[in-house]
Amino acid sequence: MEVNLCVGSLRFLVLTQSTFFVLLAIMVVMLNVQAKIIMKYFPMKKESIHRSNSTEELLQKGNFAVVAAIAASIKS
């Protein structure tokens, strides 16, 4: 009985790669289920963005020092 190493290695490759991708697919599905369960019991709070805190309004009011401080803190 002769054993062909190329055929055996290809079988092993296909077996290990298919196992890996099946486990990866199961993990992705489980992460989606977990995310849905978390969102069901802990929904995200809707936050409103007030225009009064925007830099555009600060510029219109003439608060250039405040806008410069915000820009400097973002750059650093």
PDB file of N, CA and C in Angstrom:
ATOM      1  N   MET A   1       0.849  -1.173   0.000  1.00  0.00           N
ATOM      2  CA  MET A   1       0.000   0.000   0.000  1.00  0.00           C
ATOM      3  C   MET A   1       0.896   1.238   0.000  1.00  0.00           C
ATOM      4  N   GLU A   2       0.760   2.009  -1.040  1.00  0.00           N
ATOM      5  CA  GLU A   2       1.608   3.184  -1.210  1.00  0.00           C
ATOM      6  C   GLU A   2       0.850   4.431  -0.756  1.00  0.00           C
ATOM      7  N   VAL A   3       1.538   5.314  -0.016  1.00  0.00           N
ATOM      8  CA  VAL A   3       0.930   6.535   0.492  1.00  0.00           C
ATOM      9  C   VAL A   3       1.495   7.703  -0.301  1.00  0.00           C
ATOM     10  N   ASN A   4       0.603   8.446  -0.921  1.00  0.00           N
ATOM     11  CA  ASN A   4       1.012   9.617  -1.680  1.00  0.00           C
ATOM     12  C   ASN A   4       0.995  10.820  -0.741  1.00  0.00           C
ATOM     13  N   LEU A   5       2.153  11.405  -0.497  1.00  0.00           N
ATOM     14  CA  LEU A   5       2.245  12.508   0.459  1.00  0.00           C
ATOM     15  C   LEU A   5       1.557  13.774  -0.046  1.00  0.00           C
ATOM     16  N   CYS A   6       1.559  14.009  -1.334  1.00  0.00           N
ATOM     17  CA  CYS A   6       0.903  15.204  -1.882  1.00  0.00           C
ATOM     18  C   CYS A   6      -0.602  15.126  -1.679  1.00  0.00           C
ATOM     19  N   VAL A   7      -1.189  13.989  -1.951  1.00  0.00           N
ATOM     20  CA  VAL A   7      -2.633  13.830  -1.779  1.00  0.00           C
ATOM     21  C   VAL A   7      -2.988  13.909  -0.298  1.00  0.00           C
ATOM     22  N   GLY A   8      -2.194  13.291   0.548  1.00  0.00           N
ATOM     23  CA  GLY A   8      -2.450  13.350   1.984  1.00  0.00           C
ATOM     24  C   GLY A   8      -2.342  14.748   2.533  1.00  0.00           C
ATOM     25  N   SER A   9      -1.355  15.490   2.067  1.00  0.00           N
ATOM     26  CA  SER A   9      -1.204  16.870   2.550  1.00  0.00           C
ATOM     27  C   SER A   9      -2.334  17.755   2.040  1.00  0.00           C
ATOM     28  N   LEU A  10      -2.797  17.540   0.819  1.00  0.00           N
ATOM     29  CA  LEU A  10      -3.925  18.321   0.301  1.00  0.00           C
ATOM     30  C   LEU A  10      -5.204  18.011   1.071  1.00  0.00           C
ATOM     31  N   ARG A  11      -5.411  16.732   1.416  1.00  0.00           N
ATOM     32  CA  ARG A  11      -6.585  16.373   2.223  1.00  0.00           C
ATOM     33  C   ARG A  11      -6.525  17.047   3.589  1.00  0.00           C
ATOM     34  N   PHE A  12      -5.356  17.022   4.191  1.00  0.00           N
ATOM     35  CA  PHE A  12      -5.181  17.662   5.492  1.00  0.00           C
ATOM     36  C   PHE A  12      -5.422  19.163   5.387  1.00  0.00           C
ATOM     37  N   LEU A  13      -4.930  19.789   4.314  1.00  0.00           N
ATOM     38  CA  LEU A  13      -5.131  21.218   4.092  1.00  0.00           C
ATOM     39  C   LEU A  13      -6.607  21.547   3.967  1.00  0.00           C
ATOM     40  N   VAL A  14      -7.316  20.787   3.159  1.00  0.00           N
ATOM     41  CA  VAL A  14      -8.748  21.039   2.958  1.00  0.00           C
ATOM     42  C   VAL A  14      -9.505  20.825   4.267  1.00  0.00           C
ATOM     43  N   LEU A  15      -9.177  19.784   4.995  1.00  0.00           N
ATOM     44  CA  LEU A  15      -9.849  19.509   6.260  1.00  0.00           C
ATOM     45  C   LEU A  15      -9.624  20.629   7.268  1.00  0.00           C
ATOM     46  N   THR A  16      -8.392  21.083   7.420  1.00  0.00           N
ATOM     47  CA  THR A  16      -8.113  22.122   8.413  1.00  0.00           C
ATOM     48  C   THR A  16      -8.694  23.473   8.003  1.00  0.00           C
ATOM     49  N   GLN A  17      -8.615  23.813   6.728  1.00  0.00           N
ATOM     50  CA  GLN A  17      -9.160  25.097   6.276  1.00  0.00           C
ATOM     51  C   GLN A  17     -10.681  25.118   6.371  1.00  0.00           C
ATOM     52  N   SER A  18     -11.327  24.031   6.019  1.00  0.00           N
ATOM     53  CA  SER A  18     -12.790  23.995   6.119  1.00  0.00           C
ATOM     54  C   SER A  18     -13.219  24.056   7.579  1.00  0.00           C
ATOM     55  N   THR A  19     -12.495  23.394   8.469  1.00  0.00           N
ATOM     56  CA  THR A  19     -12.810  23.471   9.896  1.00  0.00           C
ATOM     57  C   THR A  19     -12.644  24.895  10.401  1.00  0.00           C
ATOM     58  N   PHE A  20     -11.591  25.552  10.003  1.00  0.00           N
ATOM     59  CA  PHE A  20     -11.347  26.926  10.422  1.00  0.00           C
ATOM     60  C   PHE A  20     -12.468  27.852   9.964  1.00  0.00           C
ATOM     61  N   PHE A  21     -12.874  27.741   8.701  1.00  0.00           N
ATOM     62  CA  PHE A  21     -13.901  28.637   8.182  1.00  0.00           C
ATOM     63  C   PHE A  21     -15.269  28.338   8.776  1.00  0.00           C
ATOM     64  N   VAL A  22     -15.554  27.103   9.094  1.00  0.00           N
ATOM     65  CA  VAL A  22     -16.814  26.772   9.762  1.00  0.00           C
ATOM     66  C   VAL A  22     -16.825  27.384  11.164  1.00  0.00           C
ATOM     67  N   LEU A  23     -15.734  27.242  11.900  1.00  0.00           N
ATOM     68  CA  LEU A  23     -15.658  27.844  13.232  1.00  0.00           C
ATOM     69  C   LEU A  23     -15.711  29.369  13.169  1.00  0.00           C
ATOM     70  N   LEU A  24     -15.097  29.951  12.161  1.00  0.00           N
ATOM     71  CA  LEU A  24     -15.156  31.399  11.985  1.00  0.00           C
ATOM     72  C   LEU A  24     -16.582  31.855  11.701  1.00  0.00           C
ATOM     73  N   ALA A  25     -17.296  31.126  10.866  1.00  0.00           N
ATOM     74  CA  ALA A  25     -18.691  31.473  10.562  1.00  0.00           C
ATOM     75  C   ALA A  25     -19.558  31.351  11.812  1.00  0.00           C
ATOM     76  N   ILE A  26     -19.332  30.311  12.603  1.00  0.00           N
ATOM     77  CA  ILE A  26     -20.090  30.158  13.845  1.00  0.00           C
ATOM     78  C   ILE A  26     -19.807  31.316  14.782  1.00  0.00           C
ATOM     79  N   MET A  27     -18.560  31.740  14.868  1.00  0.00           N
ATOM     80  CA  MET A  27     -18.203  32.851  15.736  1.00  0.00           C
ATOM     81  C   MET A  27     -18.876  34.147  15.284  1.00  0.00           C
ATOM     82  N   VAL A  28     -18.917  34.404  13.993  1.00  0.00           N
ATOM     83  CA  VAL A  28     -19.558  35.619  13.478  1.00  0.00           C
ATOM     84  C   VAL A  28     -21.055  35.603  13.776  1.00  0.00           C
ATOM     85  N   VAL A  29     -21.689  34.453  13.589  1.00  0.00           N
ATOM     86  CA  VAL A  29     -23.119  34.343  13.875  1.00  0.00           C
ATOM     87  C   VAL A  29     -23.378  34.563  15.360  1.00  0.00           C
ATOM     88  N   MET A  30     -22.539  33.988  16.208  1.00  0.00           N
ATOM     89  CA  MET A  30     -22.728  34.150  17.646  1.00  0.00           C
ATOM     90  C   MET A  30     -22.508  35.597  18.079  1.00  0.00           C
ATOM     91  N   LEU A  31     -21.577  36.307  17.451  1.00  0.00           N
ATOM     92  CA  LEU A  31     -21.369  37.717  17.775  1.00  0.00           C
ATOM     93  C   LEU A  31     -22.581  38.552  17.385  1.00  0.00           C
ATOM     94  N   ASN A  32     -23.201  38.232  16.253  1.00  0.00           N
ATOM     95  CA  ASN A  32     -24.398  38.952  15.843  1.00  0.00           C
ATOM     96  C   ASN A  32     -25.550  38.695  16.810  1.00  0.00           C
ATOM     97  N   VAL A  33     -25.695  37.451  17.242  1.00  0.00           N
ATOM     98  CA  VAL A  33     -26.743  37.120  18.208  1.00  0.00           C
ATOM     99  C   VAL A  33     -26.490  37.830  19.529  1.00  0.00           C
ATOM    100  N   GLN A  34     -25.242  37.833  19.960  1.00  0.00           N
ATOM    101  CA  GLN A  34     -24.886  38.496  21.212  1.00  0.00           C
ATOM    102  C   GLN A  34     -25.172  39.996  21.127  1.00  0.00           C
ATOM    103  N   ALA A  35     -24.864  40.615  20.001  1.00  0.00           N
ATOM    104  CA  ALA A  35     -25.118  42.045  19.837  1.00  0.00           C
ATOM    105  C   ALA A  35     -26.615  42.340  19.884  1.00  0.00           C
ATOM    106  N   LYS A  36     -27.421  41.487  19.273  1.00  0.00           N
ATOM    107  CA  LYS A  36     -28.879  41.695  19.296  1.00  0.00           C
ATOM    108  C   LYS A  36     -29.434  41.545  20.705  1.00  0.00           C
ATOM    109  N   ILE A  37     -28.925  40.574  21.450  1.00  0.00           N
ATOM    110  CA  ILE A  37     -29.390  40.387  22.823  1.00  0.00           C
ATOM    111  C   ILE A  37     -29.009  41.584  23.689  1.00  0.00           C
ATOM    112  N   ILE A  38     -27.789  42.071  23.542  1.00  0.00           N
ATOM    113  CA  ILE A  38     -27.347  43.229  24.325  1.00  0.00           C
ATOM    114  C   ILE A  38     -28.164  44.464  23.966  1.00  0.00           C
ATOM    115  N   MET A  39     -28.412  44.675  22.683  1.00  0.00           N
ATOM    116  CA  MET A  39     -29.191  45.846  22.270  1.00  0.00           C
ATOM    117  C   MET A  39     -30.642  45.741  22.729  1.00  0.00           C
ATOM    118  N   LYS A  40     -31.158  44.524  22.906  1.00  0.00           N
ATOM    119  CA  LYS A  40     -32.534  44.349  23.363  1.00  0.00           C
ATOM    120  C   LYS A  40     -32.676  44.764  24.813  1.00  0.00           C
ATOM    121  N   TYR A  41     -31.730  44.360  25.660  1.00  0.00           N
ATOM    122  CA  TYR A  41     -31.835  44.636  27.078  1.00  0.00           C
ATOM    123  C   TYR A  41     -31.154  45.932  27.506  1.00  0.00           C
ATOM    124  N   PHE A  42     -30.227  46.409  26.715  1.00  0.00           N
ATOM    125  CA  PHE A  42     -29.530  47.663  27.019  1.00  0.00           C
ATOM    126  C   PHE A  42     -29.528  48.555  25.784  1.00  0.00           C
ATOM    127  N   PRO A  43     -30.672  49.160  25.442  1.00  0.00           N
ATOM    128  CA  PRO A  43     -30.718  49.992  24.234  1.00  0.00           C
ATOM    129  C   PRO A  43     -29.878  51.255  24.398  1.00  0.00           C
ATOM    130  N   MET A  44     -29.415  51.768  23.273  1.00  0.00           N
ATOM    131  CA  MET A  44     -28.614  52.989  23.290  1.00  0.00           C
ATOM    132  C   MET A  44     -29.512  54.180  23.571  1.00  0.00           C
ATOM    133  N   LYS A  45     -28.997  55.087  24.367  1.00  0.00           N
ATOM    134  CA  LYS A  45     -29.746  56.300  24.660  1.00  0.00           C
ATOM    135  C   LYS A  45     -29.554  57.279  23.519  1.00  0.00           C
ATOM    136  N   LYS A  46     -30.638  57.918  23.139  1.00  0.00           N
ATOM    137  CA  LYS A  46     -30.548  58.908  22.077  1.00  0.00           C
ATOM    138  C   LYS A  46     -30.108  60.232  22.685  1.00  0.00           C
ATOM    139  N   GLU A  47     -28.982  60.718  22.209  1.00  0.00           N
ATOM    140  CA  GLU A  47     -28.434  61.967  22.696  1.00  0.00           C
ATOM    141  C   GLU A  47     -28.647  63.044  21.644  1.00  0.00           C
ATOM    142  N   SER A  48     -29.092  64.169  22.099  1.00  0.00           N
ATOM    143  CA  SER A  48     -29.283  65.276  21.170  1.00  0.00           C
ATOM    144  C   SER A  48     -28.050  66.171  21.209  1.00  0.00           C
ATOM    145  N   ILE A  49     -27.667  66.626  20.056  1.00  0.00           N
ATOM    146  CA  ILE A  49     -26.525  67.521  19.951  1.00  0.00           C
ATOM    147  C   ILE A  49     -27.046  68.947  19.914  1.00  0.00           C
ATOM    148  N   HIS A  50     -26.650  69.724  20.891  1.00  0.00           N
ATOM    149  CA  HIS A  50     -27.114  71.109  20.952  1.00  0.00           C
ATOM    150  C   HIS A  50     -26.212  71.979  20.095  1.00  0.00           C
ATOM    151  N   ARG A  51     -26.842  72.813  19.337  1.00  0.00           N
ATOM    152  CA  ARG A  51     -26.084  73.692  18.472  1.00  0.00           C
ATOM    153  C   ARG A  51     -25.350  74.753  19.278  1.00  0.00           C
ATOM    154  N   SER A  52     -25.774  74.978  20.511  1.00  0.00           N
ATOM    155  CA  SER A  52     -25.147  76.022  21.315  1.00  0.00           C
ATOM    156  C   SER A  52     -23.702  75.672  21.673  1.00  0.00           C
ATOM    157  N   ASN A  53     -23.344  74.391  21.607  1.00  0.00           N
ATOM    158  CA  ASN A  53     -21.989  73.988  21.951  1.00  0.00           C
ATOM    159  C   ASN A  53     -21.077  73.867  20.734  1.00  0.00           C
ATOM    160  N   SER A  54     -21.566  74.194  19.568  1.00  0.00           N
ATOM    161  CA  SER A  54     -20.758  74.011  18.372  1.00  0.00           C
ATOM    162  C   SER A  54     -19.772  75.155  18.199  1.00  0.00           C
ATOM    163  N   THR A  55     -18.703  74.848  17.515  1.00  0.00           N
ATOM    164  CA  THR A  55     -17.678  75.872  17.289  1.00  0.00           C
ATOM    165  C   THR A  55     -18.158  76.935  16.304  1.00  0.00           C
ATOM    166  N   GLU A  56     -19.101  76.564  15.431  1.00  0.00           N
ATOM    167  CA  GLU A  56     -19.617  77.557  14.479  1.00  0.00           C
ATOM    168  C   GLU A  56     -20.330  78.689  15.214  1.00  0.00           C
ATOM    169  N   GLU A  57     -21.130  78.331  16.218  1.00  0.00           N
ATOM    170  CA  GLU A  57     -21.842  79.362  16.957  1.00  0.00           C
ATOM    171  C   GLU A  57     -20.874  80.201  17.795  1.00  0.00           C
ATOM    172  N   LEU A  58     -19.835  79.539  18.327  1.00  0.00           N
ATOM    173  CA  LEU A  58     -18.842  80.301  19.082  1.00  0.00           C
ATOM    174  C   LEU A  58     -18.129  81.309  18.188  1.00  0.00           C
ATOM    175  N   LEU A  59     -17.851  80.903  16.938  1.00  0.00           N
ATOM    176  CA  LEU A  59     -17.212  81.837  16.009  1.00  0.00           C
ATOM    177  C   LEU A  59     -18.131  82.997  15.675  1.00  0.00           C
ATOM    178  N   GLN A  60     -19.428  82.716  15.529  1.00  0.00           N
ATOM    179  CA  GLN A  60     -20.367  83.774  15.201  1.00  0.00           C
ATOM    180  C   GLN A  60     -20.521  84.765  16.353  1.00  0.00           C
ATOM    181  N   LYS A  61     -20.352  84.291  17.571  1.00  0.00           N
ATOM    182  CA  LYS A  61     -20.460  85.178  18.726  1.00  0.00           C
ATOM    183  C   LYS A  61     -19.180  85.970  18.962  1.00  0.00           C
ATOM    184  N   GLY A  62     -18.090  85.602  18.303  1.00  0.00           N
ATOM    185  CA  GLY A  62     -16.841  86.330  18.465  1.00  0.00           C
ATOM    186  C   GLY A  62     -15.942  85.741  19.530  1.00  0.00           C
ATOM    187  N   ASN A  63     -16.155  84.517  19.907  1.00  0.00           N
ATOM    188  CA  ASN A  63     -15.323  83.859  20.915  1.00  0.00           C
ATOM    189  C   ASN A  63     -14.158  83.142  20.234  1.00  0.00           C
ATOM    190  N   PHE A  64     -13.270  83.914  19.655  1.00  0.00           N
ATOM    191  CA  PHE A  64     -12.160  83.325  18.902  1.00  0.00           C
ATOM    192  C   PHE A  64     -11.160  82.620  19.814  1.00  0.00           C
ATOM    193  N   ALA A  65     -11.006  83.097  21.049  1.00  0.00           N
ATOM    194  CA  ALA A  65     -10.066  82.480  21.978  1.00  0.00           C
ATOM    195  C   ALA A  65     -10.529  81.072  22.372  1.00  0.00           C
ATOM    196  N   VAL A  66     -11.839  80.918  22.539  1.00  0.00           N
ATOM    197  CA  VAL A  66     -12.381  79.602  22.887  1.00  0.00           C
ATOM    198  C   VAL A  66     -12.191  78.627  21.727  1.00  0.00           C
ATOM    199  N   VAL A  67     -12.476  79.099  20.519  1.00  0.00           N
ATOM    200  CA  VAL A  67     -12.312  78.243  19.339  1.00  0.00           C
ATOM    201  C   VAL A  67     -10.847  77.881  19.131  1.00  0.00           C
ATOM    202  N   ALA A  68      -9.948  78.823  19.374  1.00  0.00           N
ATOM    203  CA  ALA A  68      -8.519  78.545  19.254  1.00  0.00           C
ATOM    204  C   ALA A  68      -8.073  77.527  20.289  1.00  0.00           C
ATOM    205  N   ALA A  69      -8.602  77.612  21.509  1.00  0.00           N
ATOM    206  CA  ALA A  69      -8.254  76.651  22.557  1.00  0.00           C
ATOM    207  C   ALA A  69      -8.765  75.257  22.194  1.00  0.00           C
ATOM    208  N   ILE A  70      -9.966  75.176  21.633  1.00  0.00           N
ATOM    209  CA  ILE A  70     -10.522  73.882  21.211  1.00  0.00           C
ATOM    210  C   ILE A  70      -9.666  73.296  20.087  1.00  0.00           C
ATOM    211  N   ALA A  71      -9.308  74.110  19.119  1.00  0.00           N
ATOM    212  CA  ALA A  71      -8.495  73.634  18.000  1.00  0.00           C
ATOM    213  C   ALA A  71      -7.111  73.195  18.472  1.00  0.00           C
ATOM    214  N   ALA A  72      -6.538  73.918  19.424  1.00  0.00           N
ATOM    215  CA  ALA A  72      -5.206  73.554  19.933  1.00  0.00           C
ATOM    216  C   ALA A  72      -5.258  72.236  20.713  1.00  0.00           C
ATOM    217  N   SER A  73      -6.348  72.021  21.439  1.00  0.00           N
ATOM    218  CA  SER A  73      -6.454  70.768  22.198  1.00  0.00           C
ATOM    219  C   SER A  73      -6.686  69.581  21.279  1.00  0.00           C
ATOM    220  N   ILE A  74      -7.351  69.794  20.160  1.00  0.00           N
ATOM    221  CA  ILE A  74      -7.577  68.711  19.204  1.00  0.00           C
ATOM    222  C   ILE A  74      -6.277  68.360  18.493  1.00  0.00           C
ATOM    223  N   LYS A  75      -5.465  69.359  18.152  1.00  0.00           N
ATOM    224  CA  LYS A  75      -4.220  69.124  17.431  1.00  0.00           C
ATOM    225  C   LYS A  75      -3.169  68.429  18.284  1.00  0.00           C
ATOM    226  N   SER A  76      -3.201  68.661  19.593  1.00  0.00           N
ATOM    227  CA  SER A  76      -2.157  68.081  20.447  1.00  0.00           C
ATOM    228  C   SER A  76      -2.485  66.687  20.893  1.00  0.00           C
TER     229      SER A  76
END
